[in-house]
């Protein structure tokens, strides 16, 4: 699942339109996996934080 999430993250990072469509769901996936072990949540959180558009929203 992390590999598929990464593929979606890459697409959303390249195309802001897709990011805008999926932003809430991308964030929810990270939030909803906080109790999953084996570093799964950490990997998803790292991938999510790599989205360039997140920085644009903070400005």
Foldseek 3Di string as FASTA:
>chain_A
DLVVLLVLLVVCLVPVVSCVVCVVVLVVVLVVCPPPDDCPSVSSVVSNVPRPVVVVVVD
